[in-house]
């Protein structure tokens, strides 16, 4: 599973859920070894709603703006992934609409409880 990422089997969260907690993950992309660094950018616990945002960076990777691949994800307790943005390849091969600066974003618009 790639979770809409170039990083296979990506570790998406790691305890403790504290700002600046980070971890590294090696992976192969198009035959080249890279290292992704994921950092917890924010943890918000307002009104009994916990949200956690992570940023993943891969540097020195050809085919991406400024040779940098970047992901940002926000998770909300009880809902899962509520925001996602990712760098897209400069070659136009990304299958969805792309925004300014080769970024694709997803925002959870509605959550229906069962």
Protein backbone atom coordinates (compact mmCIF):
# COMPACT_ATOMS: atom_id res chain seq x y z
CA UNK A 1 0.00 0.00 0.00
CA UNK A 2 1.42 3.39 -0.95
CA UNK A 3 -1.15 5.73 0.64
CA UNK A 4 -0.87 8.03 -2.40
CA UNK A 5 2.84 8.29 -1.76
CA UNK A 6 6.04 7.38 -3.53
CA UNK A 7 7.12 5.78 -0.23
CA UNK A 8 5.95 2.16 -0.02
CA UNK A 9 4.82 0.79 3.35
CA UNK A 10 5.20 4.23 4.85
CA UNK A 11 5.10 4.66 8.63
CA UNK A 12 2.46 7.38 8.96
CA UNK A 13 2.52 8.01 12.73
CA UNK A 14 4.90 7.12 15.50
CA UNK A 15 4.61 7.64 19.24
CA UNK A 16 4.95 9.85 21.10
CA UNK A 17 2.51 12.21 19.39
CA UNK A 18 4.54 15.28 20.23
CA UNK A 19 5.68 18.19 18.08
CA UNK A 20 9.16 17.63 16.57
CA UNK A 21 9.09 13.84 17.08
CA UNK A 22 10.61 12.52 13.84
CA UNK A 23 11.63 9.28 12.17
CA UNK A 24 13.46 8.27 9.02
CA UNK A 25 12.54 5.63 6.49
CA UNK A 26 14.63 4.31 3.62
CA UNK A 27 12.90 3.38 0.37
CA UNK A 28 13.56 2.80 -3.32
CA UNK A 29 11.99 5.01 -5.98
CA UNK A 30 12.65 4.42 -9.68
CA UNK A 31 15.68 2.28 -8.82
CA UNK A 32 17.34 4.82 -6.50
CA UNK A 33 17.58 4.65 -2.70
CA UNK A 34 16.24 7.63 -0.75
CA UNK A 35 15.59 8.54 2.86
CA UNK A 36 12.32 10.16 3.95
CA UNK A 37 12.16 12.15 7.17
CA UNK A 38 8.73 12.53 8.77
CA UNK A 39 8.20 15.06 11.54
CA UNK A 40 5.15 15.72 13.68
CA UNK A 41 4.51 19.38 12.86
CA UNK A 42 1.57 19.99 15.18
CA UNK A 43 -0.67 18.31 17.72
CA UNK A 44 -3.90 20.09 18.54
CA UNK A 45 -6.23 18.94 21.31
CA UNK A 46 -8.90 21.65 21.36
CA UNK A 47 -12.49 20.90 22.39
CA UNK A 48 -11.64 17.22 23.01
CA UNK A 49 -10.75 16.81 19.29
CA UNK A 50 -7.22 15.58 18.74
CA UNK A 51 -5.56 16.45 15.42
CA UNK A 52 -2.02 15.60 14.42
CA UNK A 53 -0.18 16.95 11.37
CA UNK A 54 2.94 15.34 9.90
CA UNK A 55 5.34 16.58 7.25
CA UNK A 56 7.45 14.17 5.20
CA UNK A 57 10.45 15.42 3.21
CA UNK A 58 12.70 13.65 0.70
CA UNK A 59 15.58 15.76 -0.59
CA UNK A 60 17.81 15.38 -3.66
CA UNK A 61 15.13 13.60 -5.65
CA UNK A 62 15.07 14.26 -9.39
CA UNK A 63 11.80 15.07 -11.10
CA UNK A 64 10.27 17.19 -8.32
CA UNK A 65 10.21 20.95 -7.83
CA UNK A 66 13.50 22.04 -6.20
CA UNK A 67 14.48 18.32 -6.13
CA UNK A 68 12.31 17.93 -3.03
CA UNK A 69 9.36 15.62 -2.45
CA UNK A 70 7.01 16.73 0.32
CA UNK A 71 3.87 15.35 1.94
CA UNK A 72 1.67 16.84 4.61
CA UNK A 73 -1.03 14.84 6.37
CA UNK A 74 -3.47 15.74 9.12
CA UNK A 75 -5.26 13.05 11.10
CA UNK A 76 -8.20 13.55 13.43
CA UNK A 77 -9.06 11.12 16.21
CA UNK A 78 -12.17 9.17 15.24
CA UNK A 79 -12.03 10.25 11.57
CA UNK A 80 -8.59 9.34 10.27
CA UNK A 81 -6.98 11.28 7.43
CA UNK A 82 -8.68 14.68 7.01
CA UNK A 83 -6.04 16.58 4.98
CA UNK A 84 -3.38 15.45 2.54
CA UNK A 85 -1.06 17.33 0.20
CA UNK A 86 1.76 15.94 -1.88
CA UNK A 87 4.38 17.12 -4.35
CA UNK A 88 3.70 15.90 -7.85
CA UNK A 89 6.24 14.96 -10.51
CA UNK A 90 7.23 17.73 -12.90
CA UNK A 91 6.68 15.42 -15.89
CA UNK A 92 2.87 15.69 -15.59
CA UNK A 93 2.38 11.98 -14.88
CA UNK A 94 0.26 12.57 -11.75
CA UNK A 95 -3.30 11.34 -12.58
CA UNK A 96 -5.25 14.09 -10.75
CA UNK A 97 -5.62 17.85 -11.07
CA UNK A 98 -2.55 19.65 -9.75
CA UNK A 99 -2.46 23.03 -8.08
CA UNK A 100 0.17 25.75 -8.11
CA UNK A 101 3.79 24.68 -7.48
CA UNK A 102 3.04 21.05 -8.41
CA UNK A 103 1.04 20.33 -5.25
CA UNK A 104 -2.03 18.07 -5.02
CA UNK A 105 -4.28 18.49 -1.96
CA UNK A 106 -7.20 16.59 -0.43
CA UNK A 107 -9.46 17.84 2.36
CA UNK A 108 -12.17 15.77 4.06
CA UNK A 109 -15.33 17.71 3.28
CA UNK A 110 -17.86 15.67 5.21
CA UNK A 111 -17.76 12.85 7.71
CA UNK A 112 -20.84 10.69 8.20
CA UNK A 113 -20.99 8.62 11.36
CA UNK A 114 -22.42 5.14 11.10
